[in-house]
């Protein structure tokens, strides 16, 4: 392989590894979720049971 091919290959592999590392860092360092935001309302009125006749 000539030097231009090596350059392109090193740049492409380096950019992919950099992007993967950045994304993994961002995902693994997320702040903890607050418990109160994970709960849904106890009763959800959908309206499909009104006048079910």
Protein backbone atom coordinates (compact mmCIF):
# COMPACT_ATOMS: atom_id res chain seq x y z
CA UNK A 1 0.00 0.00 0.00
CA UNK A 2 1.31 3.46 -0.81
CA UNK A 3 1.62 6.29 1.76
CA UNK A 4 -1.65 7.92 0.65
CA UNK A 5 -3.54 4.70 1.36
CA UNK A 6 -1.97 4.41 4.80
CA UNK A 7 -2.87 8.03 5.54
CA UNK A 8 -6.52 7.55 4.56
CA UNK A 9 -6.77 4.30 6.50
CA UNK A 10 -5.22 5.78 9.66
CA UNK A 11 -7.42 8.89 9.47
CA UNK A 12 -10.61 6.90 8.93
CA UNK A 13 -9.92 4.36 11.68
CA UNK A 14 -8.80 7.14 14.02
CA UNK A 15 -11.94 9.19 13.42
CA UNK A 16 -14.22 6.19 14.00
CA UNK A 17 -12.40 5.25 17.23
CA UNK A 18 -12.55 8.88 18.40
CA UNK A 19 -16.30 9.09 17.74
CA UNK A 20 -16.99 5.76 19.48
CA UNK A 21 -14.88 6.80 22.48
CA UNK A 22 -16.66 10.15 22.75
CA UNK A 23 -20.12 8.52 22.56
CA UNK A 24 -19.22 5.88 25.15
CA UNK A 25 -17.84 8.57 27.47
CA UNK A 26 -21.03 10.62 27.13
CA UNK A 27 -23.29 7.63 27.79
CA UNK A 28 -21.32 6.25 30.73
CA UNK A 29 -21.03 9.62 32.51
CA UNK A 30 -24.72 10.56 32.42
CA UNK A 31 -26.08 11.98 35.67
CA UNK A 32 -28.24 9.59 37.72
CA UNK A 33 -31.95 9.62 36.99
CA UNK A 34 -34.26 11.01 39.61
CA UNK A 35 -36.82 8.48 40.81
CA UNK A 36 -39.78 10.88 40.76
CA UNK A 37 -39.54 11.35 36.98
CA UNK A 38 -39.79 7.62 36.28
CA UNK A 39 -43.29 7.24 37.71
CA UNK A 40 -46.36 7.68 35.58
CA UNK A 41 -49.71 8.99 36.75
CA UNK A 42 -51.75 6.49 38.76
CA UNK A 43 -54.90 6.94 36.71
CA UNK A 44 -54.93 7.85 33.05
CA UNK A 45 -58.32 8.81 31.62
CA UNK A 46 -58.37 7.63 28.01
CA UNK A 47 -62.04 8.30 27.35
CA UNK A 48 -62.69 4.98 25.64
CA UNK A 49 -64.73 3.58 28.56
CA UNK A 50 -67.31 6.42 28.56
CA UNK A 51 -70.65 5.17 27.21
CA UNK A 52 -69.39 1.71 26.33
CA UNK A 53 -72.92 0.66 25.34
